[in-house]
């Protein structure tokens, strides 16, 4: 009886350590992958996205545009309120009522 209990506990410890090793390895792998793609924080302070290059004629008419991504930089105040409301309604209805993290919304998002 004692050797059977010892074997059972040994198997249980082995399975626990195996699961712990898998979890730690997966976490380290995810952190490594995501950390390698992230920019440095100080580079975000001096962010300059690529913009559209316009080619003008002699009379100041646009005759061509070149861009990898067609971006136009706008300030937050230039975004129409209806666009802000639409994004907030889709992403986080409680945006203005919580302190930055919606603790009730996290499980709700994971269920969907």
PDB file of N, CA and C in Angstrom:
ATOM      1  N   UNK A   1       0.827  -1.201   0.000  1.00  0.00           N
ATOM      2  CA  UNK A   1       0.000   0.000   0.000  1.00  0.00           C
ATOM      3  C   UNK A   1       0.865   1.257   0.000  1.00  0.00           C
ATOM      4  N   UNK A   2       1.941   1.239   0.803  1.00  0.00           N
ATOM      5  CA  UNK A   2       2.808   2.407   0.897  1.00  0.00           C
ATOM      6  C   UNK A   2       3.566   2.646  -0.404  1.00  0.00           C
ATOM      7  N   UNK A   3       4.010   1.582  -1.061  1.00  0.00           N
ATOM      8  CA  UNK A   3       4.747   1.758  -2.318  1.00  0.00           C
ATOM      9  C   UNK A   3       3.807   2.232  -3.431  1.00  0.00           C
ATOM     10  N   UNK A   4       2.568   1.793  -3.367  1.00  0.00           N
ATOM     11  CA  UNK A   4       1.597   2.249  -4.362  1.00  0.00           C
ATOM     12  C   UNK A   4       1.294   3.739  -4.172  1.00  0.00           C
ATOM     13  N   UNK A   5       1.186   4.193  -2.938  1.00  0.00           N
ATOM     14  CA  UNK A   5       0.966   5.607  -2.647  1.00  0.00           C
ATOM     15  C   UNK A   5       2.176   6.435  -3.071  1.00  0.00           C
ATOM     16  N   UNK A   6       3.365   5.915  -2.806  1.00  0.00           N
ATOM     17  CA  UNK A   6       4.592   6.613  -3.192  1.00  0.00           C
ATOM     18  C   UNK A   6       4.692   6.725  -4.713  1.00  0.00           C
ATOM     19  N   UNK A   7       4.331   5.669  -5.426  1.00  0.00           N
ATOM     20  CA  UNK A   7       4.358   5.698  -6.888  1.00  0.00           C
ATOM     21  C   UNK A   7       3.325   6.698  -7.417  1.00  0.00           C
ATOM     22  N   UNK A   8       2.156   6.729  -6.808  1.00  0.00           N
ATOM     23  CA  UNK A   8       1.110   7.670  -7.217  1.00  0.00           C
ATOM     24  C   UNK A   8       1.564   9.115  -6.985  1.00  0.00           C
ATOM     25  N   UNK A   9       2.135   9.401  -5.814  1.00  0.00           N
ATOM     26  CA  UNK A   9       2.622  10.745  -5.522  1.00  0.00           C
ATOM     27  C   UNK A   9       3.785  11.116  -6.440  1.00  0.00           C
ATOM     28  N   UNK A  10       4.645  10.162  -6.720  1.00  0.00           N
ATOM     29  CA  UNK A  10       5.756  10.424  -7.641  1.00  0.00           C
ATOM     30  C   UNK A  10       5.249  10.772  -9.034  1.00  0.00           C
ATOM     31  N   UNK A  11       4.247  10.045  -9.492  1.00  0.00           N
ATOM     32  CA  UNK A  11       3.659  10.337 -10.799  1.00  0.00           C
ATOM     33  C   UNK A  11       2.979  11.700 -10.795  1.00  0.00           C
ATOM     34  N   UNK A  12       2.313  12.016  -9.708  1.00  0.00           N
ATOM     35  CA  UNK A  12       1.642  13.294  -9.585  1.00  0.00           C
ATOM     36  C   UNK A  12       2.651  14.445  -9.597  1.00  0.00           C
ATOM     37  N   UNK A  13       3.745  14.307  -8.884  1.00  0.00           N
ATOM     38  CA  UNK A  13       4.794  15.335  -8.866  1.00  0.00           C
ATOM     39  C   UNK A  13       5.409  15.464 -10.260  1.00  0.00           C
ATOM     40  N   UNK A  14       5.638  14.338 -10.932  1.00  0.00           N
ATOM     41  CA  UNK A  14       6.214  14.366 -12.267  1.00  0.00           C
ATOM     42  C   UNK A  14       5.297  15.114 -13.240  1.00  0.00           C
ATOM     43  N   UNK A  15       4.014  14.820 -13.208  1.00  0.00           N
ATOM     44  CA  UNK A  15       3.059  15.486 -14.103  1.00  0.00           C
ATOM     45  C   UNK A  15       3.000  16.979 -13.783  1.00  0.00           C
ATOM     46  N   UNK A  16       3.011  17.325 -12.501  1.00  0.00           N
ATOM     47  CA  UNK A  16       2.990  18.739 -12.117  1.00  0.00           C
ATOM     48  C   UNK A  16       4.236  19.460 -12.628  1.00  0.00           C
ATOM     49  N   UNK A  17       5.405  18.879 -12.428  1.00  0.00           N
ATOM     50  CA  UNK A  17       6.641  19.503 -12.901  1.00  0.00           C
ATOM     51  C   UNK A  17       6.688  19.590 -14.420  1.00  0.00           C
ATOM     52  N   UNK A  18       6.153  18.580 -15.103  1.00  0.00           N
ATOM     53  CA  UNK A  18       6.099  18.609 -16.556  1.00  0.00           C
ATOM     54  C   UNK A  18       5.196  19.742 -17.039  1.00  0.00           C
ATOM     55  N   UNK A  19       4.035  19.892 -16.444  1.00  0.00           N
ATOM     56  CA  UNK A  19       3.121  20.982 -16.816  1.00  0.00           C
ATOM     57  C   UNK A  19       3.737  22.342 -16.505  1.00  0.00           C
ATOM     58  N   UNK A  20       4.421  22.445 -15.381  1.00  0.00           N
ATOM     59  CA  UNK A  20       5.083  23.692 -15.023  1.00  0.00           C
ATOM     60  C   UNK A  20       6.172  24.041 -16.032  1.00  0.00           C
ATOM     61  N   UNK A  21       6.955  23.048 -16.447  1.00  0.00           N
ATOM     62  CA  UNK A  21       8.009  23.286 -17.437  1.00  0.00           C
ATOM     63  C   UNK A  21       7.415  23.708 -18.779  1.00  0.00           C
ATOM     64  N   UNK A  22       6.329  23.084 -19.182  1.00  0.00           N
ATOM     65  CA  UNK A  22       5.678  23.446 -20.445  1.00  0.00           C
ATOM     66  C   UNK A  22       5.141  24.870 -20.374  1.00  0.00           C
ATOM     67  N   UNK A  23       4.506  25.226 -19.260  1.00  0.00           N
ATOM     68  CA  UNK A  23       3.956  26.571 -19.102  1.00  0.00           C
ATOM     69  C   UNK A  23       5.070  27.623 -19.098  1.00  0.00           C
ATOM     70  N   UNK A  24       6.152  27.350 -18.379  1.00  0.00           N
ATOM     71  CA  UNK A  24       7.260  28.303 -18.352  1.00  0.00           C
ATOM     72  C   UNK A  24       7.915  28.426 -19.724  1.00  0.00           C
ATOM     73  N   UNK A  25       8.075  27.324 -20.417  1.00  0.00           N
ATOM     74  CA  UNK A  25       8.663  27.366 -21.751  1.00  0.00           C
ATOM     75  C   UNK A  25       7.789  28.121 -22.737  1.00  0.00           C
ATOM     76  N   UNK A  26       6.496  27.884 -22.680  1.00  0.00           N
ATOM     77  CA  UNK A  26       5.579  28.598 -23.576  1.00  0.00           C
ATOM     78  C   UNK A  26       5.567  30.094 -23.261  1.00  0.00           C
ATOM     79  N   UNK A  27       5.551  30.437 -21.979  1.00  0.00           N
ATOM     80  CA  UNK A  27       5.570  31.853 -21.591  1.00  0.00           C
ATOM     81  C   UNK A  27       6.861  32.524 -22.044  1.00  0.00           C
ATOM     82  N   UNK A  28       7.981  31.855 -21.852  1.00  0.00           N
ATOM     83  CA  UNK A  28       9.260  32.424 -22.289  1.00  0.00           C
ATOM     84  C   UNK A  28       9.283  32.585 -23.806  1.00  0.00           C
ATOM     85  N   UNK A  29       8.736  31.619 -24.540  1.00  0.00           N
ATOM     86  CA  UNK A  29       8.696  31.716 -25.994  1.00  0.00           C
ATOM     87  C   UNK A  29       7.836  32.864 -26.473  1.00  0.00           C
ATOM     88  N   UNK A  30       6.677  33.043 -25.865  1.00  0.00           N
ATOM     89  CA  UNK A  30       5.786  34.149 -26.243  1.00  0.00           C
ATOM     90  C   UNK A  30       6.441  35.492 -25.934  1.00  0.00           C
ATOM     91  N   UNK A  31       7.048  35.600 -24.749  1.00  0.00           N
ATOM     92  CA  UNK A  31       7.734  36.843 -24.402  1.00  0.00           C
ATOM     93  C   UNK A  31       8.884  37.129 -25.358  1.00  0.00           C
ATOM     94  N   UNK A  32       9.623  36.115 -25.738  1.00  0.00           N
ATOM     95  CA  UNK A  32      10.743  36.304 -26.658  1.00  0.00           C
ATOM     96  C   UNK A  32      10.255  36.785 -28.022  1.00  0.00           C
ATOM     97  N   UNK A  33       9.198  36.170 -28.533  1.00  0.00           N
ATOM     98  CA  UNK A  33       8.684  36.542 -29.858  1.00  0.00           C
ATOM     99  C   UNK A  33       8.139  37.957 -29.847  1.00  0.00           C
ATOM    100  N   UNK A  34       7.308  38.290 -28.848  1.00  0.00           N
ATOM    101  CA  UNK A  34       6.706  39.611 -28.826  1.00  0.00           C
ATOM    102  C   UNK A  34       7.713  40.699 -28.461  1.00  0.00           C
ATOM    103  N   UNK A  35       8.676  40.385 -27.625  1.00  0.00           N
ATOM    104  CA  UNK A  35       9.665  41.381 -27.228  1.00  0.00           C
ATOM    105  C   UNK A  35      10.576  41.745 -28.390  1.00  0.00           C
ATOM    106  N   UNK A  36      10.844  40.818 -29.294  1.00  0.00           N
ATOM    107  CA  UNK A  36      11.738  41.114 -30.406  1.00  0.00           C
ATOM    108  C   UNK A  36      11.091  42.052 -31.424  1.00  0.00           C
ATOM    109  N   UNK A  37       9.758  42.082 -31.502  1.00  0.00           N
ATOM    110  CA  UNK A  37       9.064  42.934 -32.463  1.00  0.00           C
ATOM    111  C   UNK A  37       8.704  44.306 -31.911  1.00  0.00           C
ATOM    112  N   UNK A  38       8.817  44.496 -30.620  1.00  0.00           N
ATOM    113  CA  UNK A  38       8.380  45.745 -30.022  1.00  0.00           C
ATOM    114  C   UNK A  38       9.455  46.822 -30.151  1.00  0.00           C
ATOM    115  N   UNK A  39       9.048  48.049 -30.470  1.00  0.00           N
ATOM    116  CA  UNK A  39      10.032  49.136 -30.519  1.00  0.00           C
ATOM    117  C   UNK A  39      10.407  49.576 -29.108  1.00  0.00           C
ATOM    118  N   UNK A  40      11.520  50.271 -29.001  1.00  0.00           N
ATOM    119  CA  UNK A  40      11.918  50.832 -27.716  1.00  0.00           C
ATOM    120  C   UNK A  40      10.958  51.963 -27.356  1.00  0.00           C
ATOM    121  N   UNK A  41      10.727  52.161 -26.073  1.00  0.00           N
ATOM    122  CA  UNK A  41       9.764  53.164 -25.619  1.00  0.00           C
ATOM    123  C   UNK A  41      10.195  54.564 -26.050  1.00  0.00           C
ATOM    124  N   UNK A  42      11.487  54.872 -25.964  1.00  0.00           N
ATOM    125  CA  UNK A  42      11.923  56.222 -26.323  1.00  0.00           C
ATOM    126  C   UNK A  42      11.786  56.491 -27.818  1.00  0.00           C
ATOM    127  N   UNK A  43      11.749  55.456 -28.650  1.00  0.00           N
ATOM    128  CA  UNK A  43      11.539  55.679 -30.081  1.00  0.00           C
ATOM    129  C   UNK A  43      10.085  56.038 -30.379  1.00  0.00           C
ATOM    130  N   UNK A  44       9.160  55.687 -29.506  1.00  0.00           N
ATOM    131  CA  UNK A  44       7.754  56.027 -29.707  1.00  0.00           C
ATOM    132  C   UNK A  44       7.498  57.516 -29.487  1.00  0.00           C
ATOM    133  N   UNK A  45       8.360  58.163 -28.694  1.00  0.00           N
ATOM    134  CA  UNK A  45       8.193  59.595 -28.456  1.00  0.00           C
ATOM    135  C   UNK A  45       8.513  60.410 -29.706  1.00  0.00           C
ATOM    136  N   UNK A  46       9.345  59.868 -30.583  1.00  0.00           N
ATOM    137  CA  UNK A  46       9.762  60.574 -31.794  1.00  0.00           C
ATOM    138  C   UNK A  46       9.286  59.805 -33.030  1.00  0.00           C
ATOM    139  N   UNK A  47       8.000  59.459 -33.055  1.00  0.00           N
ATOM    140  CA  UNK A  47       7.425  58.637 -34.118  1.00  0.00           C
ATOM    141  C   UNK A  47       7.087  59.491 -35.325  1.00  0.00           C
ATOM    142  N   UNK A  48       7.589  59.103 -36.483  1.00  0.00           N
ATOM    143  CA  UNK A  48       7.287  59.791 -37.738  1.00  0.00           C
ATOM    144  C   UNK A  48       6.841  58.751 -38.760  1.00  0.00           C
ATOM    145  N   UNK A  49       5.530  58.575 -38.934  1.00  0.00           N
ATOM    146  CA  UNK A  49       5.064  57.570 -39.897  1.00  0.00           C
ATOM    147  C   UNK A  49       5.353  58.005 -41.332  1.00  0.00           C
ATOM    148  N   UNK A  50       5.451  57.008 -42.194  1.00  0.00           N
ATOM    149  CA  UNK A  50       5.645  57.351 -43.603  1.00  0.00           C
ATOM    150  C   UNK A  50       4.365  57.980 -44.142  1.00  0.00           C
ATOM    151  N   UNK A  51       4.520  59.019 -44.927  1.00  0.00           N
ATOM    152  CA  UNK A  51       3.373  59.753 -45.450  1.00  0.00           C
ATOM    153  C   UNK A  51       3.320  59.633 -46.964  1.00  0.00           C
ATOM    154  N   UNK A  52       2.286  60.181 -47.531  1.00  0.00           N
ATOM    155  CA  UNK A  52       2.120  60.194 -48.981  1.00  0.00           C
ATOM    156  C   UNK A  52       3.043  61.261 -49.570  1.00  0.00           C
ATOM    157  N   UNK A  53       3.749  60.900 -50.626  1.00  0.00           N
ATOM    158  CA  UNK A  53       4.572  61.869 -51.355  1.00  0.00           C
ATOM    159  C   UNK A  53       3.767  62.355 -52.546  1.00  0.00           C
ATOM    160  N   UNK A  54       3.491  63.663 -52.569  1.00  0.00           N
ATOM    161  CA  UNK A  54       2.747  64.267 -53.673  1.00  0.00           C
ATOM    162  C   UNK A  54       3.722  64.925 -54.640  1.00  0.00           C
ATOM    163  N   UNK A  55       3.462  64.743 -55.933  1.00  0.00           N
ATOM    164  CA  UNK A  55       4.247  65.392 -56.982  1.00  0.00           C
ATOM    165  C   UNK A  55       3.379  66.495 -57.571  1.00  0.00           C
ATOM    166  N   UNK A  56       3.937  67.719 -57.578  1.00  0.00           N
ATOM    167  CA  UNK A  56       3.190  68.888 -58.039  1.00  0.00           C
ATOM    168  C   UNK A  56       3.706  69.364 -59.396  1.00  0.00           C
ATOM    169  N   UNK A  57       2.820  69.931 -60.163  1.00  0.00           N
ATOM    170  CA  UNK A  57       3.195  70.548 -61.443  1.00  0.00           C
ATOM    171  C   UNK A  57       3.639  71.989 -61.186  1.00  0.00           C
ATOM    172  N   UNK A  58       4.018  72.675 -62.257  1.00  0.00           N
ATOM    173  CA  UNK A  58       4.453  74.063 -62.126  1.00  0.00           C
ATOM    174  C   UNK A  58       3.351  74.976 -61.587  1.00  0.00           C
ATOM    175  N   UNK A  59       2.102  74.643 -61.882  1.00  0.00           N
ATOM    176  CA  UNK A  59       0.999  75.486 -61.422  1.00  0.00           C
ATOM    177  C   UNK A  59       0.377  74.972 -60.112  1.00  0.00           C
ATOM    178  N   UNK A  60       1.151  74.209 -59.326  1.00  0.00           N
ATOM    179  CA  UNK A  60       0.769  73.733 -57.985  1.00  0.00           C
ATOM    180  C   UNK A  60      -0.406  72.755 -57.995  1.00  0.00           C
ATOM    181  N   UNK A  61      -0.574  72.015 -59.065  1.00  0.00           N
ATOM    182  CA  UNK A  61      -1.587  70.967 -59.129  1.00  0.00           C
ATOM    183  C   UNK A  61      -0.917  69.626 -58.833  1.00  0.00           C
ATOM    184  N   UNK A  62      -1.576  68.790 -58.055  1.00  0.00           N
ATOM    185  CA  UNK A  62      -1.040  67.461 -57.759  1.00  0.00           C
ATOM    186  C   UNK A  62      -1.174  66.603 -59.008  1.00  0.00           C
ATOM    187  N   UNK A  63      -0.054  66.089 -59.501  1.00  0.00           N
ATOM    188  CA  UNK A  63      -0.109  65.248 -60.706  1.00  0.00           C
ATOM    189  C   UNK A  63       0.173  63.789 -60.384  1.00  0.00           C
ATOM    190  N   UNK A  64       0.576  63.504 -59.153  1.00  0.00           N
ATOM    191  CA  UNK A  64       0.819  62.119 -58.773  1.00  0.00           C
ATOM    192  C   UNK A  64       1.066  61.996 -57.285  1.00  0.00           C
ATOM    193  N   UNK A  65       0.793  60.802 -56.776  1.00  0.00           N
ATOM    194  CA  UNK A  65       1.032  60.512 -55.363  1.00  0.00           C
ATOM    195  C   UNK A  65       1.704  59.152 -55.258  1.00  0.00           C
ATOM    196  N   UNK A  66       2.669  59.069 -54.383  1.00  0.00           N
ATOM    197  CA  UNK A  66       3.394  57.823 -54.170  1.00  0.00           C
ATOM    198  C   UNK A  66       3.410  57.507 -52.681  1.00  0.00           C
ATOM    199  N   UNK A  67       3.107  56.261 -52.339  1.00  0.00           N
ATOM    200  CA  UNK A  67       3.126  55.879 -50.928  1.00  0.00           C
ATOM    201  C   UNK A  67       3.048  54.374 -50.801  1.00  0.00           C
ATOM    202  N   UNK A  68       3.714  53.861 -49.772  1.00  0.00           N
ATOM    203  CA  UNK A  68       3.529  52.456 -49.422  1.00  0.00           C
ATOM    204  C   UNK A  68       2.231  52.291 -48.648  1.00  0.00           C
ATOM    205  N   UNK A  69       1.968  53.248 -47.790  1.00  0.00           N
ATOM    206  CA  UNK A  69       0.737  53.274 -47.004  1.00  0.00           C
ATOM    207  C   UNK A  69       0.154  54.677 -47.122  1.00  0.00           C
ATOM    208  N   UNK A  70      -1.085  54.777 -47.452  1.00  0.00           N
ATOM    209  CA  UNK A  70      -1.696  56.095 -47.640  1.00  0.00           C
ATOM    210  C   UNK A  70      -2.177  56.625 -46.296  1.00  0.00           C
ATOM    211  N   UNK A  71      -1.303  57.361 -45.644  1.00  0.00           N
ATOM    212  CA  UNK A  71      -1.610  57.912 -44.328  1.00  0.00           C
ATOM    213  C   UNK A  71      -1.674  59.429 -44.390  1.00  0.00           C
ATOM    214  N   UNK A  72      -2.550  59.956 -43.603  1.00  0.00           N
ATOM    215  CA  UNK A  72      -2.620  61.393 -43.399  1.00  0.00           C
ATOM    216  C   UNK A  72      -2.647  61.589 -41.885  1.00  0.00           C
ATOM    217  N   UNK A  73      -1.665  62.277 -41.357  1.00  0.00           N
ATOM    218  CA  UNK A  73      -1.564  62.478 -39.917  1.00  0.00           C
ATOM    219  C   UNK A  73      -2.539  63.579 -39.506  1.00  0.00           C
ATOM    220  N   UNK A  74      -3.356  63.268 -38.510  1.00  0.00           N
ATOM    221  CA  UNK A  74      -4.296  64.241 -37.958  1.00  0.00           C
ATOM    222  C   UNK A  74      -4.120  64.266 -36.449  1.00  0.00           C
ATOM    223  N   UNK A  75      -4.485  65.367 -35.852  1.00  0.00           N
ATOM    224  CA  UNK A  75      -4.455  65.444 -34.395  1.00  0.00           C
ATOM    225  C   UNK A  75      -5.734  64.815 -33.846  1.00  0.00           C
ATOM    226  N   UNK A  76      -5.741  64.569 -32.552  1.00  0.00           N
ATOM    227  CA  UNK A  76      -6.914  63.975 -31.922  1.00  0.00           C
ATOM    228  C   UNK A  76      -8.137  64.867 -32.086  1.00  0.00           C
ATOM    229  N   UNK A  77      -7.944  66.159 -32.040  1.00  0.00           N
ATOM    230  CA  UNK A  77      -9.068  67.100 -32.160  1.00  0.00           C
ATOM    231  C   UNK A  77      -9.640  67.147 -33.572  1.00  0.00           C
ATOM    232  N   UNK A  78      -8.882  66.702 -34.573  1.00  0.00           N
ATOM    233  CA  UNK A  78      -9.376  66.701 -35.953  1.00  0.00           C
ATOM    234  C   UNK A  78     -10.230  65.473 -36.271  1.00  0.00           C
ATOM    235  N   UNK A  79     -10.227  64.489 -35.400  1.00  0.00           N
ATOM    236  CA  UNK A  79     -11.048  63.296 -35.622  1.00  0.00           C
ATOM    237  C   UNK A  79     -12.485  63.634 -35.255  1.00  0.00           C
ATOM    238  N   UNK A  80     -13.442  63.405 -36.144  1.00  0.00           N
ATOM    239  CA  UNK A  80     -14.844  63.731 -35.834  1.00  0.00           C
ATOM    240  C   UNK A  80     -15.351  62.933 -34.627  1.00  0.00           C
ATOM    241  N   UNK A  81     -16.204  63.545 -33.847  1.00  0.00           N
ATOM    242  CA  UNK A  81     -16.736  62.912 -32.645  1.00  0.00           C
ATOM    243  C   UNK A  81     -17.493  61.629 -32.977  1.00  0.00           C
ATOM    244  N   UNK A  82     -18.162  61.573 -34.122  1.00  0.00           N
ATOM    245  CA  UNK A  82     -18.903  60.369 -34.496  1.00  0.00           C
ATOM    246  C   UNK A  82     -17.948  59.184 -34.708  1.00  0.00           C
ATOM    247  N   UNK A  83     -16.741  59.441 -35.206  1.00  0.00           N
ATOM    248  CA  UNK A  83     -15.753  58.366 -35.386  1.00  0.00           C
ATOM    249  C   UNK A  83     -15.250  57.889 -34.027  1.00  0.00           C
ATOM    250  N   UNK A  84     -14.966  58.828 -33.126  1.00  0.00           N
ATOM    251  CA  UNK A  84     -14.535  58.464 -31.772  1.00  0.00           C
ATOM    252  C   UNK A  84     -15.606  57.619 -31.080  1.00  0.00           C
ATOM    253  N   UNK A  85     -16.854  58.050 -31.183  1.00  0.00           N
ATOM    254  CA  UNK A  85     -17.960  57.316 -30.553  1.00  0.00           C
ATOM    255  C   UNK A  85     -18.118  55.924 -31.161  1.00  0.00           C
ATOM    256  N   UNK A  86     -17.937  55.807 -32.468  1.00  0.00           N
ATOM    257  CA  UNK A  86     -18.067  54.503 -33.123  1.00  0.00           C
ATOM    258  C   UNK A  86     -16.989  53.545 -32.655  1.00  0.00           C
ATOM    259  N   UNK A  87     -15.758  54.021 -32.550  1.00  0.00           N
ATOM    260  CA  UNK A  87     -14.665  53.156 -32.102  1.00  0.00           C
ATOM    261  C   UNK A  87     -14.882  52.736 -30.663  1.00  0.00           C
ATOM    262  N   UNK A  88     -15.275  53.664 -29.815  1.00  0.00           N
ATOM    263  CA  UNK A  88     -15.503  53.334 -28.405  1.00  0.00           C
ATOM    264  C   UNK A  88     -16.675  52.377 -28.253  1.00  0.00           C
ATOM    265  N   UNK A  89     -17.721  52.535 -29.044  1.00  0.00           N
ATOM    266  CA  UNK A  89     -18.875  51.641 -28.913  1.00  0.00           C
ATOM    267  C   UNK A  89     -18.530  50.219 -29.332  1.00  0.00           C
ATOM    268  N   UNK A  90     -17.618  50.071 -30.268  1.00  0.00           N
ATOM    269  CA  UNK A  90     -17.224  48.730 -30.703  1.00  0.00           C
ATOM    270  C   UNK A  90     -16.202  48.127 -29.748  1.00  0.00           C
ATOM    271  N   UNK A  91     -15.240  48.912 -29.315  1.00  0.00           N
ATOM    272  CA  UNK A  91     -14.138  48.386 -28.519  1.00  0.00           C
ATOM    273  C   UNK A  91     -14.437  48.292 -27.035  1.00  0.00           C
ATOM    274  N   UNK A  92     -14.984  49.342 -26.442  1.00  0.00           N
ATOM    275  CA  UNK A  92     -15.140  49.372 -24.988  1.00  0.00           C
ATOM    276  C   UNK A  92     -16.250  50.342 -24.615  1.00  0.00           C
ATOM    277  N   UNK A  93     -17.447  49.811 -24.397  1.00  0.00           N
ATOM    278  CA  UNK A  93     -18.593  50.654 -24.070  1.00  0.00           C
ATOM    279  C   UNK A  93     -18.405  51.374 -22.736  1.00  0.00           C
ATOM    280  N   UNK A  94     -17.606  50.808 -21.843  1.00  0.00           N
ATOM    281  CA  UNK A  94     -17.402  51.397 -20.510  1.00  0.00           C
ATOM    282  C   UNK A  94     -16.121  52.226 -20.438  1.00  0.00           C
ATOM    283  N   UNK A  95     -15.651  52.717 -21.559  1.00  0.00           N
ATOM    284  CA  UNK A  95     -14.359  53.413 -21.629  1.00  0.00           C
ATOM    285  C   UNK A  95     -14.268  54.579 -20.656  1.00  0.00           C
ATOM    286  N   UNK A  96     -15.321  55.336 -20.527  1.00  0.00           N
ATOM    287  CA  UNK A  96     -15.290  56.524 -19.682  1.00  0.00           C
ATOM    288  C   UNK A  96     -15.638  56.233 -18.225  1.00  0.00           C
ATOM    289  N   UNK A  97     -15.986  54.998 -17.881  1.00  0.00           N
ATOM    290  CA  UNK A  97     -16.393  54.708 -16.508  1.00  0.00           C
ATOM    291  C   UNK A  97     -15.373  53.904 -15.721  1.00  0.00           C
ATOM    292  N   UNK A  98     -14.382  53.297 -16.348  1.00  0.00           N
ATOM    293  CA  UNK A  98     -13.374  52.551 -15.581  1.00  0.00           C
ATOM    294  C   UNK A  98     -12.049  53.299 -15.567  1.00  0.00           C
ATOM    295  N   UNK A  99     -11.096  52.807 -14.779  1.00  0.00           N
ATOM    296  CA  UNK A  99      -9.832  53.500 -14.539  1.00  0.00           C
ATOM    297  C   UNK A  99      -8.736  53.149 -15.542  1.00  0.00           C
ATOM    298  N   UNK A 100      -9.035  52.395 -16.559  1.00  0.00           N
ATOM    299  CA  UNK A 100      -8.046  52.060 -17.576  1.00  0.00           C
ATOM    300  C   UNK A 100      -8.114  50.610 -17.995  1.00  0.00           C
ATOM    301  N   UNK A 101      -8.554  49.747 -17.102  1.00  0.00           N
ATOM    302  CA  UNK A 101      -8.730  48.330 -17.415  1.00  0.00           C
ATOM    303  C   UNK A 101     -10.139  47.939 -16.993  1.00  0.00           C
ATOM    304  N   UNK A 102     -10.891  47.422 -17.925  1.00  0.00           N
ATOM    305  CA  UNK A 102     -12.266  47.011 -17.646  1.00  0.00           C
ATOM    306  C   UNK A 102     -12.248  45.564 -17.157  1.00  0.00           C
ATOM    307  N   UNK A 103     -12.240  45.383 -15.836  1.00  0.00           N
ATOM    308  CA  UNK A 103     -12.126  44.040 -15.253  1.00  0.00           C
ATOM    309  C   UNK A 103     -13.333  43.163 -15.585  1.00  0.00           C
ATOM    310  N   UNK A 104     -14.496  43.752 -15.740  1.00  0.00           N
ATOM    311  CA  UNK A 104     -15.677  42.978 -16.109  1.00  0.00           C
ATOM    312  C   UNK A 104     -15.710  42.690 -17.608  1.00  0.00           C
ATOM    313  N   UNK A 105     -15.089  43.548 -18.394  1.00  0.00           N
ATOM    314  CA  UNK A 105     -15.102  43.370 -19.836  1.00  0.00           C
ATOM    315  C   UNK A 105     -14.113  42.340 -20.347  1.00  0.00           C
ATOM    316  N   UNK A 106     -13.056  42.066 -19.596  1.00  0.00           N
ATOM    317  CA  UNK A 106     -12.049  41.101 -20.044  1.00  0.00           C
ATOM    318  C   UNK A 106     -12.643  39.711 -20.191  1.00  0.00           C
ATOM    319  N   UNK A 107     -13.340  39.178 -19.190  1.00  0.00           N
ATOM    320  CA  UNK A 107     -13.928  37.842 -19.399  1.00  0.00           C
ATOM    321  C   UNK A 107     -15.010  37.839 -20.478  1.00  0.00           C
ATOM    322  N   UNK A 108     -15.726  38.956 -20.606  1.00  0.00           N
ATOM    323  CA  UNK A 108     -16.772  39.039 -21.619  1.00  0.00           C
ATOM    324  C   UNK A 108     -16.159  38.965 -23.011  1.00  0.00           C
ATOM    325  N   UNK A 109     -15.026  39.630 -23.243  1.00  0.00           N
ATOM    326  CA  UNK A 109     -14.363  39.612 -24.543  1.00  0.00           C
ATOM    327  C   UNK A 109     -13.834  38.216 -24.858  1.00  0.00           C
ATOM    328  N   UNK A 110     -13.338  37.509 -23.868  1.00  0.00           N
ATOM    329  CA  UNK A 110     -12.779  36.176 -24.085  1.00  0.00           C
ATOM    330  C   UNK A 110     -13.848  35.141 -24.383  1.00  0.00           C
ATOM    331  N   UNK A 111     -15.086  35.388 -23.941  1.00  0.00           N
ATOM    332  CA  UNK A 111     -16.175  34.465 -24.227  1.00  0.00           C
ATOM    333  C   UNK A 111     -16.600  34.513 -25.680  1.00  0.00           C
ATOM    334  N   UNK A 112     -16.517  35.690 -26.281  1.00  0.00           N
ATOM    335  CA  UNK A 112     -16.995  35.863 -27.654  1.00  0.00           C
ATOM    336  C   UNK A 112     -16.111  35.189 -28.580  1.00  0.00           C
TER     337      UNK A 112
END
